[in-house]
Amino acid sequence: MQKTSLNKKILDIIKIELKIKKISIKDGINITKKWDSISNLNILLQIESKLKIRFNTREFNSLNNTKTILSNVRKKIKK
């Protein structure tokens, strides 16, 4: 999957989960108005489901902003 296509897919999942129209690389938990711990969990679960990948417990605790989510998912897809 191409990087831009993967990024778009992930950003679309985040926007849908948060019910917002715009998202940036700087957005994340407690930075973006609707992004709290519950919505973060839902975002990660949706990414797992849609992209057929799995996050471990440590990743669930650390993936709490757009930048780290994109980076981590790209690494998982390359494997």
N, C-alpha and C. Protein backbone atom coordinates (compact mmCIF):
# COMPACT_ATOMS: atom_id res chain seq x y z
N MET A 1 0.85 -1.18 0.00
CA MET A 1 0.00 0.00 0.00
C MET A 1 0.89 1.24 0.00
N GLN A 2 0.56 2.21 -0.84
CA GLN A 2 1.35 3.43 -0.92
C GLN A 2 1.19 4.26 0.35
N LYS A 3 2.23 5.00 0.68
CA LYS A 3 2.26 5.81 1.89
C LYS A 3 1.09 6.79 1.95
N THR A 4 0.83 7.50 0.85
CA THR A 4 -0.25 8.50 0.86
C THR A 4 -1.61 7.82 1.01
N SER A 5 -1.78 6.69 0.38
CA SER A 5 -3.04 5.95 0.49
C SER A 5 -3.25 5.44 1.91
N LEU A 6 -2.18 4.93 2.52
CA LEU A 6 -2.25 4.44 3.90
C LEU A 6 -2.54 5.59 4.85
N ASN A 7 -1.82 6.70 4.68
CA ASN A 7 -2.05 7.88 5.53
C ASN A 7 -3.50 8.35 5.44
N LYS A 8 -4.02 8.41 4.22
CA LYS A 8 -5.41 8.86 4.03
C LYS A 8 -6.37 7.92 4.73
N LYS A 9 -6.14 6.63 4.60
CA LYS A 9 -7.02 5.65 5.23
C LYS A 9 -7.03 5.81 6.75
N ILE A 10 -5.85 5.99 7.33
CA ILE A 10 -5.74 6.16 8.78
C ILE A 10 -6.39 7.46 9.22
N LEU A 11 -6.11 8.54 8.51
CA LEU A 11 -6.70 9.84 8.86
C LEU A 11 -8.22 9.80 8.73
N ASP A 12 -8.72 9.10 7.72
CA ASP A 12 -10.18 8.96 7.56
C ASP A 12 -10.79 8.20 8.74
N ILE A 13 -10.11 7.17 9.20
CA ILE A 13 -10.60 6.41 10.36
C ILE A 13 -10.67 7.33 11.58
N ILE A 14 -9.63 8.12 11.79
CA ILE A 14 -9.60 9.03 12.95
C ILE A 14 -10.73 10.05 12.83
N LYS A 15 -10.89 10.66 11.65
CA LYS A 15 -11.95 11.66 11.46
C LYS A 15 -13.33 11.07 11.70
N ILE A 16 -13.56 9.87 11.22
CA ILE A 16 -14.86 9.22 11.41
C ILE A 16 -15.11 8.94 12.88
N GLU A 17 -14.12 8.39 13.56
CA GLU A 17 -14.28 8.08 14.99
C GLU A 17 -14.52 9.33 15.83
N LEU A 18 -13.84 10.42 15.49
CA LEU A 18 -13.98 11.65 16.26
C LEU A 18 -15.14 12.52 15.77
N LYS A 19 -15.72 12.13 14.63
CA LYS A 19 -16.81 12.91 14.02
C LYS A 19 -16.37 14.36 13.77
N ILE A 20 -15.20 14.48 13.13
CA ILE A 20 -14.68 15.80 12.77
C ILE A 20 -14.34 15.81 11.28
N LYS A 21 -14.16 17.00 10.72
CA LYS A 21 -13.91 17.13 9.28
C LYS A 21 -12.43 17.26 8.94
N LYS A 22 -11.63 17.82 9.86
CA LYS A 22 -10.21 18.03 9.58
C LYS A 22 -9.37 17.43 10.69
N ILE A 23 -8.21 16.90 10.29
CA ILE A 23 -7.26 16.34 11.25
C ILE A 23 -5.86 16.70 10.77
N SER A 24 -4.96 16.96 11.68
CA SER A 24 -3.57 17.27 11.29
C SER A 24 -2.61 16.33 12.00
N ILE A 25 -1.38 16.36 11.60
CA ILE A 25 -0.34 15.52 12.16
C ILE A 25 -0.09 15.87 13.63
N LYS A 26 -0.45 17.08 14.03
CA LYS A 26 -0.23 17.54 15.41
C LYS A 26 -1.36 17.14 16.36
N ASP A 27 -2.46 16.65 15.83
CA ASP A 27 -3.62 16.32 16.68
C ASP A 27 -3.37 15.07 17.50
N GLY A 28 -4.03 15.01 18.65
CA GLY A 28 -3.89 13.85 19.50
C GLY A 28 -4.76 13.95 20.74
N ILE A 29 -4.60 12.97 21.60
CA ILE A 29 -5.39 12.90 22.83
C ILE A 29 -5.11 14.16 23.67
N ASN A 30 -6.14 14.74 24.22
CA ASN A 30 -6.10 15.95 25.04
C ASN A 30 -5.61 17.19 24.30
N ILE A 31 -5.37 17.08 22.99
CA ILE A 31 -5.03 18.25 22.17
C ILE A 31 -6.24 18.58 21.31
N THR A 32 -6.82 17.56 20.74
CA THR A 32 -7.99 17.70 19.89
C THR A 32 -9.23 17.54 20.76
N LYS A 33 -10.18 18.44 20.59
CA LYS A 33 -11.34 18.54 21.49
C LYS A 33 -12.04 17.20 21.75
N LYS A 34 -12.36 16.44 20.73
CA LYS A 34 -13.14 15.22 20.91
C LYS A 34 -12.28 13.96 21.12
N TRP A 35 -10.96 14.12 21.18
CA TRP A 35 -10.05 12.98 21.28
C TRP A 35 -9.68 12.74 22.75
N ASP A 36 -10.38 11.80 23.38
CA ASP A 36 -10.08 11.43 24.76
C ASP A 36 -9.64 9.96 24.80
N SER A 37 -9.48 9.40 25.98
CA SER A 37 -8.95 8.04 26.11
C SER A 37 -9.87 7.00 25.47
N ILE A 38 -11.16 7.18 25.59
CA ILE A 38 -12.12 6.22 25.01
C ILE A 38 -12.09 6.31 23.48
N SER A 39 -12.09 7.52 22.95
CA SER A 39 -12.05 7.65 21.49
C SER A 39 -10.71 7.16 20.96
N ASN A 40 -9.63 7.33 21.73
CA ASN A 40 -8.32 6.82 21.30
C ASN A 40 -8.36 5.30 21.18
N LEU A 41 -8.96 4.64 22.15
CA LEU A 41 -9.11 3.18 22.09
C LEU A 41 -9.92 2.78 20.87
N ASN A 42 -11.02 3.47 20.63
CA ASN A 42 -11.87 3.17 19.47
C ASN A 42 -11.13 3.38 18.15
N ILE A 43 -10.32 4.42 18.08
CA ILE A 43 -9.52 4.68 16.88
C ILE A 43 -8.57 3.52 16.61
N LEU A 44 -7.85 3.09 17.64
CA LEU A 44 -6.88 2.00 17.48
C LEU A 44 -7.57 0.68 17.14
N LEU A 45 -8.72 0.43 17.73
CA LEU A 45 -9.46 -0.80 17.41
C LEU A 45 -9.95 -0.78 15.97
N GLN A 46 -10.39 0.38 15.49
CA GLN A 46 -10.83 0.49 14.11
C GLN A 46 -9.67 0.31 13.14
N ILE A 47 -8.53 0.88 13.48
CA ILE A 47 -7.34 0.71 12.63
C ILE A 47 -6.96 -0.76 12.56
N GLU A 48 -6.97 -1.43 13.71
CA GLU A 48 -6.67 -2.87 13.73
C GLU A 48 -7.63 -3.63 12.81
N SER A 49 -8.89 -3.34 12.94
CA SER A 49 -9.91 -4.04 12.18
C SER A 49 -9.80 -3.77 10.67
N LYS A 50 -9.69 -2.51 10.31
CA LYS A 50 -9.69 -2.14 8.89
C LYS A 50 -8.40 -2.53 8.17
N LEU A 51 -7.27 -2.45 8.88
CA LEU A 51 -5.98 -2.70 8.24
C LEU A 51 -5.43 -4.09 8.56
N LYS A 52 -6.17 -4.83 9.35
CA LYS A 52 -5.79 -6.21 9.70
C LYS A 52 -4.39 -6.29 10.31
N ILE A 53 -4.17 -5.42 11.31
CA ILE A 53 -2.93 -5.43 12.08
C ILE A 53 -3.29 -5.53 13.55
N ARG A 54 -2.29 -5.75 14.40
CA ARG A 54 -2.52 -5.84 15.84
C ARG A 54 -1.53 -4.95 16.57
N PHE A 55 -2.03 -4.27 17.60
CA PHE A 55 -1.18 -3.48 18.49
C PHE A 55 -1.01 -4.26 19.78
N ASN A 56 0.19 -4.19 20.38
CA ASN A 56 0.38 -4.82 21.68
C ASN A 56 -0.01 -3.82 22.78
N THR A 57 0.02 -4.27 24.02
CA THR A 57 -0.40 -3.43 25.15
C THR A 57 0.41 -2.15 25.25
N ARG A 58 1.71 -2.26 25.07
CA ARG A 58 2.57 -1.07 25.15
C ARG A 58 2.19 -0.06 24.07
N GLU A 59 1.89 -0.56 22.88
CA GLU A 59 1.50 0.33 21.78
C GLU A 59 0.17 1.02 22.08
N PHE A 60 -0.78 0.29 22.65
CA PHE A 60 -2.05 0.91 22.99
C PHE A 60 -1.85 2.08 23.95
N ASN A 61 -0.87 1.97 24.82
CA ASN A 61 -0.61 3.05 25.79
C ASN A 61 0.14 4.23 25.18
N SER A 62 0.93 3.98 24.14
CA SER A 62 1.76 5.06 23.60
C SER A 62 1.22 5.70 22.31
N LEU A 63 0.32 5.01 21.62
CA LEU A 63 -0.22 5.56 20.37
C LEU A 63 -1.39 6.48 20.68
N ASN A 64 -1.08 7.74 20.92
CA ASN A 64 -2.13 8.66 21.33
C ASN A 64 -2.12 9.99 20.57
N ASN A 65 -1.48 9.98 19.40
CA ASN A 65 -1.55 11.15 18.53
C ASN A 65 -1.37 10.70 17.08
N THR A 66 -1.74 11.56 16.19
CA THR A 66 -1.74 11.23 14.77
C THR A 66 -0.36 10.82 14.29
N LYS A 67 0.66 11.56 14.68
CA LYS A 67 2.02 11.30 14.20
C LYS A 67 2.50 9.91 14.61
N THR A 68 2.35 9.54 15.88
CA THR A 68 2.84 8.23 16.33
C THR A 68 2.01 7.08 15.75
N ILE A 69 0.73 7.31 15.58
CA ILE A 69 -0.12 6.28 14.98
C ILE A 69 0.32 6.02 13.54
N LEU A 70 0.48 7.07 12.76
CA LEU A 70 0.90 6.92 11.36
C LEU A 70 2.24 6.20 11.26
N SER A 71 3.19 6.62 12.07
CA SER A 71 4.51 6.02 12.05
C SER A 71 4.47 4.54 12.41
N ASN A 72 3.77 4.21 13.47
CA ASN A 72 3.69 2.82 13.92
C ASN A 72 3.00 1.93 12.90
N VAL A 73 1.91 2.39 12.33
CA VAL A 73 1.17 1.59 11.35
C VAL A 73 2.01 1.38 10.10
N ARG A 74 2.71 2.40 9.65
CA ARG A 74 3.58 2.25 8.47
C ARG A 74 4.62 1.15 8.70
N LYS A 75 5.21 1.13 9.89
CA LYS A 75 6.20 0.09 10.22
C LYS A 75 5.57 -1.30 10.20
N LYS A 76 4.36 -1.42 10.73
CA LYS A 76 3.68 -2.71 10.78
C LYS A 76 3.32 -3.21 9.37
N ILE A 77 2.91 -2.29 8.52
CA ILE A 77 2.51 -2.66 7.16
C ILE A 77 3.73 -3.11 6.36
N LYS A 78 4.90 -2.53 6.61
CA LYS A 78 6.12 -2.88 5.88
C LYS A 78 6.60 -4.29 6.21
N LYS A 79 6.28 -4.79 7.39
CA LYS A 79 6.76 -6.11 7.82
C LYS A 79 6.19 -7.21 6.99
